[in-house]
């Protein structure tokens, strides 16, 4: 259940929802649960959403990728465009 909350809401919003249903945890715990998921097969992707994210404020940045249809949620550990392009070539072919 926590992984599904993390996929849908992530961060502090997911942590607030979890607390409403009686589960106390931090936003980083939710992000770690999403990062621990195995990477599913992408299949045919019509659109790719890319958004920069902070995993540790001021210390660790990354990029969250989502697909349409919504089947794949990945977190790329970096924020440079060239590195992301290489990662996409390796993972979403």
N, C-alpha and C. Protein backbone atom coordinates (compact mmCIF):
# COMPACT_ATOMS: atom_id res chain seq x y z
N UNK A 1 0.82 -1.18 0.00
CA UNK A 1 0.00 0.00 0.00
C UNK A 1 0.88 1.27 0.00
N UNK A 2 1.96 1.26 0.78
CA UNK A 2 2.82 2.43 0.83
C UNK A 2 3.49 2.70 -0.51
N UNK A 3 3.87 1.65 -1.21
CA UNK A 3 4.47 1.84 -2.52
C UNK A 3 3.48 2.49 -3.48
N UNK A 4 2.23 2.08 -3.43
CA UNK A 4 1.21 2.68 -4.29
C UNK A 4 0.99 4.15 -3.94
N UNK A 5 1.01 4.48 -2.65
CA UNK A 5 0.90 5.89 -2.24
C UNK A 5 2.11 6.65 -2.75
N UNK A 6 3.29 6.05 -2.64
CA UNK A 6 4.50 6.70 -3.12
C UNK A 6 4.48 6.93 -4.61
N UNK A 7 3.97 5.98 -5.38
CA UNK A 7 3.87 6.15 -6.83
C UNK A 7 2.87 7.24 -7.19
N UNK A 8 1.78 7.30 -6.46
CA UNK A 8 0.74 8.27 -6.79
C UNK A 8 1.06 9.68 -6.31
N UNK A 9 1.62 9.78 -5.11
CA UNK A 9 1.75 11.10 -4.50
C UNK A 9 3.17 11.49 -4.13
N UNK A 10 3.99 10.51 -3.79
CA UNK A 10 5.38 10.74 -3.37
C UNK A 10 5.48 11.75 -2.24
N UNK A 11 6.67 12.11 -1.86
CA UNK A 11 7.01 13.16 -0.92
C UNK A 11 6.08 13.39 0.25
N UNK A 12 5.99 14.65 0.64
CA UNK A 12 5.25 14.98 1.85
C UNK A 12 3.75 14.79 1.70
N UNK A 13 3.21 14.90 0.48
CA UNK A 13 1.77 14.68 0.30
C UNK A 13 1.43 13.22 0.58
N UNK A 14 2.25 12.32 0.09
CA UNK A 14 2.04 10.90 0.37
C UNK A 14 2.19 10.59 1.85
N UNK A 15 3.16 11.20 2.51
CA UNK A 15 3.35 10.99 3.94
C UNK A 15 2.14 11.49 4.73
N UNK A 16 1.55 12.61 4.30
CA UNK A 16 0.35 13.12 4.98
C UNK A 16 -0.82 12.18 4.80
N UNK A 17 -1.00 11.64 3.59
CA UNK A 17 -2.08 10.68 3.36
C UNK A 17 -1.87 9.45 4.23
N UNK A 18 -0.64 8.95 4.27
CA UNK A 18 -0.36 7.77 5.09
C UNK A 18 -0.69 8.04 6.56
N UNK A 19 -0.38 9.23 7.05
CA UNK A 19 -0.68 9.54 8.46
C UNK A 19 -2.19 9.58 8.69
N UNK A 20 -2.96 9.98 7.69
CA UNK A 20 -4.43 10.00 7.83
C UNK A 20 -5.01 8.60 7.96
N UNK A 21 -4.31 7.60 7.42
CA UNK A 21 -4.80 6.22 7.55
C UNK A 21 -4.06 5.46 8.65
N UNK A 22 -3.31 6.21 9.48
CA UNK A 22 -2.70 5.62 10.66
C UNK A 22 -1.29 5.10 10.50
N UNK A 23 -0.59 5.48 9.44
CA UNK A 23 0.78 5.02 9.23
C UNK A 23 1.70 6.23 9.30
N UNK A 24 2.63 6.21 10.25
CA UNK A 24 3.56 7.32 10.39
C UNK A 24 4.87 6.99 9.69
N UNK A 25 5.25 7.81 8.75
CA UNK A 25 6.51 7.64 8.03
C UNK A 25 6.88 8.96 7.40
N UNK A 26 8.12 9.06 6.97
CA UNK A 26 8.60 10.29 6.34
C UNK A 26 8.52 10.22 4.83
N UNK A 27 8.66 11.40 4.22
CA UNK A 27 8.58 11.49 2.77
C UNK A 27 9.70 10.71 2.09
N UNK A 28 10.88 10.65 2.71
CA UNK A 28 11.99 9.93 2.10
C UNK A 28 11.76 8.42 2.12
N UNK A 29 11.01 7.93 3.09
CA UNK A 29 10.67 6.51 3.12
C UNK A 29 9.82 6.15 1.91
N UNK A 30 8.86 7.01 1.58
CA UNK A 30 8.05 6.77 0.38
C UNK A 30 8.89 6.79 -0.88
N UNK A 31 9.77 7.77 -1.00
CA UNK A 31 10.62 7.84 -2.19
C UNK A 31 11.53 6.62 -2.29
N UNK A 32 12.05 6.15 -1.16
CA UNK A 32 12.90 4.94 -1.19
C UNK A 32 12.10 3.72 -1.64
N UNK A 33 10.84 3.63 -1.24
CA UNK A 33 10.02 2.48 -1.67
C UNK A 33 9.80 2.50 -3.17
N UNK A 34 9.65 3.68 -3.76
CA UNK A 34 9.50 3.79 -5.21
C UNK A 34 10.82 3.45 -5.91
N UNK A 35 11.92 3.95 -5.37
CA UNK A 35 13.22 3.68 -5.98
C UNK A 35 13.59 2.20 -5.91
N UNK A 36 13.07 1.48 -4.92
CA UNK A 36 13.40 0.07 -4.75
C UNK A 36 12.64 -0.84 -5.72
N UNK A 37 11.63 -0.32 -6.38
CA UNK A 37 10.86 -1.14 -7.31
C UNK A 37 11.72 -1.56 -8.50
N UNK A 38 11.53 -2.80 -8.97
CA UNK A 38 12.25 -3.19 -10.19
C UNK A 38 11.70 -2.40 -11.37
N UNK A 39 12.55 -2.17 -12.35
CA UNK A 39 12.11 -1.44 -13.53
C UNK A 39 11.28 -2.36 -14.42
N UNK A 40 10.01 -2.02 -14.64
CA UNK A 40 9.17 -2.85 -15.50
C UNK A 40 9.50 -2.60 -16.97
N UNK A 41 9.04 -3.51 -17.82
CA UNK A 41 9.20 -3.32 -19.25
C UNK A 41 8.36 -2.13 -19.69
N UNK A 42 8.91 -1.30 -20.53
CA UNK A 42 8.22 -0.08 -20.93
C UNK A 42 7.14 -0.33 -21.97
N UNK A 43 7.34 -1.25 -22.89
CA UNK A 43 6.38 -1.44 -23.95
C UNK A 43 6.32 -0.21 -24.85
N UNK A 44 5.19 0.00 -25.49
CA UNK A 44 5.01 1.15 -26.37
C UNK A 44 4.67 2.38 -25.53
N UNK A 45 5.47 3.40 -25.64
CA UNK A 45 5.27 4.63 -24.87
C UNK A 45 4.82 5.73 -25.83
N UNK A 46 3.68 6.35 -25.53
CA UNK A 46 3.18 7.43 -26.36
C UNK A 46 3.74 8.78 -25.93
N UNK A 47 3.98 8.96 -24.64
CA UNK A 47 4.50 10.22 -24.13
C UNK A 47 5.33 9.94 -22.88
N UNK A 48 6.34 10.76 -22.67
CA UNK A 48 7.22 10.61 -21.51
C UNK A 48 7.26 11.92 -20.75
N UNK A 49 6.93 11.85 -19.46
CA UNK A 49 7.00 13.03 -18.60
C UNK A 49 8.31 13.01 -17.84
N UNK A 50 9.00 14.14 -17.80
CA UNK A 50 10.29 14.25 -17.13
C UNK A 50 10.21 15.42 -16.15
N UNK A 51 10.57 15.18 -14.90
CA UNK A 51 10.51 16.24 -13.90
C UNK A 51 11.67 16.09 -12.94
N UNK A 52 12.36 17.19 -12.67
CA UNK A 52 13.46 17.18 -11.72
C UNK A 52 12.89 17.06 -10.31
N UNK A 53 13.60 16.33 -9.46
CA UNK A 53 13.14 16.13 -8.10
C UNK A 53 14.32 16.22 -7.15
N UNK A 54 14.05 16.60 -5.92
CA UNK A 54 15.07 16.66 -4.88
C UNK A 54 14.83 15.49 -3.93
N UNK A 55 15.84 14.65 -3.76
CA UNK A 55 15.71 13.52 -2.84
C UNK A 55 16.23 13.88 -1.45
N UNK A 56 17.20 14.73 -1.38
CA UNK A 56 17.69 15.30 -0.13
C UNK A 56 17.96 16.77 -0.39
N UNK A 57 17.18 17.62 0.22
CA UNK A 57 17.23 19.04 -0.10
C UNK A 57 18.65 19.60 -0.05
N UNK A 58 19.06 20.17 -1.18
CA UNK A 58 20.37 20.77 -1.28
C UNK A 58 21.51 19.80 -1.44
N UNK A 59 21.23 18.50 -1.49
CA UNK A 59 22.31 17.52 -1.54
C UNK A 59 22.20 16.52 -2.68
N UNK A 60 21.00 16.05 -2.96
CA UNK A 60 20.87 14.96 -3.92
C UNK A 60 19.67 15.23 -4.83
N UNK A 61 19.94 15.35 -6.10
CA UNK A 61 18.90 15.64 -7.08
C UNK A 61 18.76 14.47 -8.04
N UNK A 62 17.57 14.33 -8.60
CA UNK A 62 17.34 13.28 -9.58
C UNK A 62 16.22 13.69 -10.51
N UNK A 63 15.83 12.77 -11.36
CA UNK A 63 14.80 13.02 -12.35
C UNK A 63 13.77 11.91 -12.28
N UNK A 64 12.50 12.28 -12.18
CA UNK A 64 11.40 11.32 -12.15
C UNK A 64 10.83 11.23 -13.56
N UNK A 65 10.66 10.00 -14.04
CA UNK A 65 10.12 9.76 -15.38
C UNK A 65 8.81 8.99 -15.26
N UNK A 66 7.79 9.44 -15.96
CA UNK A 66 6.54 8.69 -16.03
C UNK A 66 6.15 8.55 -17.49
N UNK A 67 5.39 7.53 -17.80
CA UNK A 67 5.00 7.28 -19.19
C UNK A 67 3.50 7.40 -19.36
N UNK A 68 3.09 7.58 -20.58
CA UNK A 68 1.69 7.50 -20.93
C UNK A 68 1.53 6.50 -22.04
N UNK A 69 0.72 5.47 -21.94
CA UNK A 69 -0.12 5.13 -20.80
C UNK A 69 0.73 4.90 -19.53
N UNK A 70 0.15 5.19 -18.35
CA UNK A 70 0.91 5.16 -17.09
C UNK A 70 1.25 3.74 -16.64
N UNK A 71 2.33 3.21 -17.18
CA UNK A 71 2.75 1.85 -16.82
C UNK A 71 4.13 1.83 -16.19
N UNK A 72 4.95 2.82 -16.44
CA UNK A 72 6.32 2.80 -15.96
C UNK A 72 6.59 4.07 -15.15
N UNK A 73 7.18 3.88 -13.97
CA UNK A 73 7.61 5.00 -13.14
C UNK A 73 9.07 4.74 -12.81
N UNK A 74 9.95 5.57 -13.26
CA UNK A 74 11.38 5.38 -13.04
C UNK A 74 11.95 6.62 -12.37
N UNK A 75 13.02 6.42 -11.67
CA UNK A 75 13.75 7.54 -11.11
C UNK A 75 15.18 7.44 -11.61
N UNK A 76 15.59 8.45 -12.36
CA UNK A 76 16.95 8.53 -12.87
C UNK A 76 17.77 9.32 -11.86
N UNK A 77 18.88 8.75 -11.44
CA UNK A 77 19.70 9.35 -10.39
C UNK A 77 20.67 10.35 -11.01
N UNK A 78 20.16 11.49 -11.37
CA UNK A 78 20.98 12.54 -11.96
C UNK A 78 20.10 13.62 -12.52
N UNK A 79 20.73 14.70 -13.01
CA UNK A 79 19.92 15.78 -13.55
C UNK A 79 20.52 16.41 -14.79
N UNK A 80 21.57 15.84 -15.33
CA UNK A 80 22.19 16.37 -16.54
C UNK A 80 21.52 15.77 -17.77
N UNK A 81 21.28 16.61 -18.78
CA UNK A 81 20.58 16.19 -19.98
C UNK A 81 21.26 15.08 -20.75
N UNK A 82 22.58 15.16 -20.91
CA UNK A 82 23.29 14.13 -21.68
C UNK A 82 23.24 12.78 -20.97
N UNK A 83 23.41 12.78 -19.67
CA UNK A 83 23.32 11.53 -18.91
C UNK A 83 21.94 10.92 -18.99
N UNK A 84 20.91 11.75 -18.93
CA UNK A 84 19.53 11.27 -19.05
C UNK A 84 19.29 10.69 -20.44
N UNK A 85 19.78 11.35 -21.46
CA UNK A 85 19.61 10.84 -22.83
C UNK A 85 20.26 9.47 -22.98
N UNK A 86 21.46 9.28 -22.42
CA UNK A 86 22.13 7.97 -22.48
C UNK A 86 21.31 6.93 -21.72
N UNK A 87 20.80 7.30 -20.54
CA UNK A 87 20.01 6.38 -19.74
C UNK A 87 18.74 5.96 -20.48
N UNK A 88 18.08 6.92 -21.12
CA UNK A 88 16.88 6.61 -21.89
C UNK A 88 17.17 5.65 -23.04
N UNK A 89 18.29 5.87 -23.73
CA UNK A 89 18.66 4.96 -24.81
C UNK A 89 18.86 3.53 -24.30
N UNK A 90 19.43 3.40 -23.10
CA UNK A 90 19.69 2.07 -22.54
C UNK A 90 18.44 1.40 -21.97
N UNK A 91 17.47 2.18 -21.47
CA UNK A 91 16.35 1.61 -20.73
C UNK A 91 15.01 1.63 -21.43
N UNK A 92 14.78 2.54 -22.34
CA UNK A 92 13.45 2.66 -22.93
C UNK A 92 13.46 2.44 -24.43
N UNK A 93 14.18 1.42 -24.88
CA UNK A 93 14.19 1.11 -26.31
C UNK A 93 13.09 0.17 -26.67
